[in-house]
Amino acid sequence: MPVFLSKLHAEHPPRWVTFTGQDLQSVTGLESEEYMDDAAHHEVWAAGTFAERFPFVAEFLRTARAGQTALFTEASGEFTIEDD
């Protein structure tokens, strides 16, 4: 499954991860609207690569339902679900 994320993930962990039902979308929370509007600031990773780089998201990746967004406030793996 593809993960669409900003290049800020090279320096910062994910804060919000959304499962759309077909892919994942991740932001660090530091992206401005202007930053996100520029396609050059986006990357696509495989879900496995994303989980290897950020292992604390693994539980959400296993249990997520379409439309759910996980809010991560730390790298403990604990998250809060924000249903769309």
C-alpha atoms as a PDB file:
ATOM      1  CA  MET A   1       0.000   0.000   0.000  1.00  0.00           C
ATOM      2  CA  PRO A   2       1.399   3.449  -0.833  1.00  0.00           C
ATOM      3  CA  VAL A   3       2.030   6.123   1.779  1.00  0.00           C
ATOM      4  CA  PHE A   4       1.870   9.719   0.585  1.00  0.00           C
ATOM      5  CA  LEU A   5       3.935  11.945   2.843  1.00  0.00           C
ATOM      6  CA  SER A   6       5.781  15.230   2.943  1.00  0.00           C
ATOM      7  CA  LYS A   7       9.547  15.444   2.704  1.00  0.00           C
ATOM      8  CA  LEU A   8       9.562  16.881   6.234  1.00  0.00           C
ATOM      9  CA  HIS A   9       9.417  13.258   7.389  1.00  0.00           C
ATOM     10  CA  ALA A  10      13.169  13.122   6.703  1.00  0.00           C
ATOM     11  CA  GLU A  11      13.615  15.256   9.833  1.00  0.00           C
ATOM     12  CA  HIS A  12      10.362  14.884  11.788  1.00  0.00           C
ATOM     13  CA  PRO A  13       8.099  11.971  12.748  1.00  0.00           C
ATOM     14  CA  PRO A  14       4.502  11.647  11.591  1.00  0.00           C
ATOM     15  CA  ARG A  15       1.892  13.381  13.689  1.00  0.00           C
ATOM     16  CA  TRP A  16      -1.264  12.582  11.692  1.00  0.00           C
ATOM     17  CA  VAL A  17      -1.609   9.406   9.632  1.00  0.00           C
ATOM     18  CA  THR A  18      -4.807   8.840   7.665  1.00  0.00           C
ATOM     19  CA  PHE A  19      -5.978   5.565   6.124  1.00  0.00           C
ATOM     20  CA  THR A  20      -8.212   6.355   3.139  1.00  0.00           C
ATOM     21  CA  GLY A  21      -9.077   2.742   2.421  1.00  0.00           C
ATOM     22  CA  GLN A  22      -6.655   2.608  -0.518  1.00  0.00           C
ATOM     23  CA  ASP A  23      -3.576   4.406   0.778  1.00  0.00           C
ATOM     24  CA  LEU A  24      -2.071   6.194   3.746  1.00  0.00           C
ATOM     25  CA  GLN A  25      -1.393   9.902   4.038  1.00  0.00           C
ATOM     26  CA  SER A  26       0.992  11.285   6.629  1.00  0.00           C
ATOM     27  CA  VAL A  27       1.954  14.765   7.772  1.00  0.00           C
ATOM     28  CA  THR A  28       4.281  15.988  10.496  1.00  0.00           C
ATOM     29  CA  GLY A  29       2.099  18.924  11.481  1.00  0.00           C
ATOM     30  CA  LEU A  30       4.827  21.363  10.470  1.00  0.00           C
ATOM     31  CA  GLU A  31       3.726  21.671   6.834  1.00  0.00           C
ATOM     32  CA  SER A  32       2.198  24.979   5.803  1.00  0.00           C
ATOM     33  CA  GLU A  33      -0.579  25.149   3.227  1.00  0.00           C
ATOM     34  CA  GLU A  34       1.889  26.639   0.732  1.00  0.00           C
ATOM     35  CA  TYR A  35       4.361  23.816   1.414  1.00  0.00           C
ATOM     36  CA  MET A  36       1.692  21.186   0.786  1.00  0.00           C
ATOM     37  CA  ASP A  37       0.575  22.888  -2.430  1.00  0.00           C
ATOM     38  CA  ASP A  38       4.004  22.234  -3.998  1.00  0.00           C
ATOM     39  CA  ALA A  39       4.164  18.671  -5.388  1.00  0.00           C
ATOM     40  CA  ALA A  40       7.961  18.762  -5.090  1.00  0.00           C
ATOM     41  CA  HIS A  41       7.531  18.487  -1.302  1.00  0.00           C
ATOM     42  CA  HIS A  42       5.785  15.101  -1.475  1.00  0.00           C
ATOM     43  CA  GLU A  43       7.066  11.524  -1.632  1.00  0.00           C
ATOM     44  CA  VAL A  44       5.489   8.086  -1.962  1.00  0.00           C
ATOM     45  CA  TRP A  45       6.783   5.217   0.176  1.00  0.00           C
ATOM     46  CA  ALA A  46       5.658   1.635   0.600  1.00  0.00           C
ATOM     47  CA  ALA A  47       3.790   1.006   3.862  1.00  0.00           C
ATOM     48  CA  GLY A  48       6.541  -1.423   4.917  1.00  0.00           C
ATOM     49  CA  THR A  49       9.218   1.226   4.476  1.00  0.00           C
ATOM     50  CA  PHE A  50       7.094   3.710   6.430  1.00  0.00           C
ATOM     51  CA  ALA A  51       6.638   1.213   9.303  1.00  0.00           C
ATOM     52  CA  GLU A  52      10.364   0.405   9.345  1.00  0.00           C
ATOM     53  CA  ARG A  53      11.292   4.085   9.567  1.00  0.00           C
ATOM     54  CA  PHE A  54       8.568   4.887  12.126  1.00  0.00           C
ATOM     55  CA  PRO A  55       7.836   1.630  14.019  1.00  0.00           C
ATOM     56  CA  PHE A  56       5.489   3.356  16.456  1.00  0.00           C
ATOM     57  CA  VAL A  57       2.840   3.619  13.695  1.00  0.00           C
ATOM     58  CA  ALA A  58       2.686  -0.183  13.232  1.00  0.00           C
ATOM     59  CA  GLU A  59      -0.329  -0.780  15.499  1.00  0.00           C
ATOM     60  CA  PHE A  60      -2.386   1.842  13.662  1.00  0.00           C
ATOM     61  CA  LEU A  61      -1.379   0.347  10.306  1.00  0.00           C
ATOM     62  CA  ARG A  62      -2.637  -3.069  11.489  1.00  0.00           C
ATOM     63  CA  THR A  63      -5.951  -1.856  12.899  1.00  0.00           C
ATOM     64  CA  ALA A  64      -6.930   1.200  10.841  1.00  0.00           C
ATOM     65  CA  ARG A  65     -10.306   1.384   9.136  1.00  0.00           C
ATOM     66  CA  ALA A  66     -11.014   3.522   6.099  1.00  0.00           C
ATOM     67  CA  GLY A  67     -11.519   7.154   7.053  1.00  0.00           C
ATOM     68  CA  GLN A  68      -9.600   6.983  10.303  1.00  0.00           C
ATOM     69  CA  THR A  69      -6.809   9.370  11.204  1.00  0.00           C
ATOM     70  CA  ALA A  70      -4.385   8.625  14.027  1.00  0.00           C
ATOM     71  CA  LEU A  71      -2.905  11.497  16.017  1.00  0.00           C
ATOM     72  CA  PHE A  72       0.524  10.621  17.412  1.00  0.00           C
ATOM     73  CA  THR A  73       1.846  12.936  20.122  1.00  0.00           C
ATOM     74  CA  GLU A  74       4.987  10.936  20.843  1.00  0.00           C
ATOM     75  CA  ALA A  75       6.941   7.945  19.574  1.00  0.00           C
ATOM     76  CA  SER A  76       5.469   5.557  22.173  1.00  0.00           C
ATOM     77  CA  GLY A  77       2.987   4.077  19.711  1.00  0.00           C
ATOM     78  CA  GLU A  78       0.010   5.525  21.556  1.00  0.00           C
ATOM     79  CA  PHE A  79      -2.408   7.379  19.351  1.00  0.00           C
ATOM     80  CA  THR A  80      -5.856   8.943  19.325  1.00  0.00           C
ATOM     81  CA  ILE A  81      -8.300   8.110  16.521  1.00  0.00           C
ATOM     82  CA  GLU A  82     -10.015  10.966  14.740  1.00  0.00           C
ATOM     83  CA  ASP A  83     -12.802   9.489  12.573  1.00  0.00           C
ATOM     84  CA  ASP A  84     -13.733  11.402   9.420  1.00  0.00           C
END
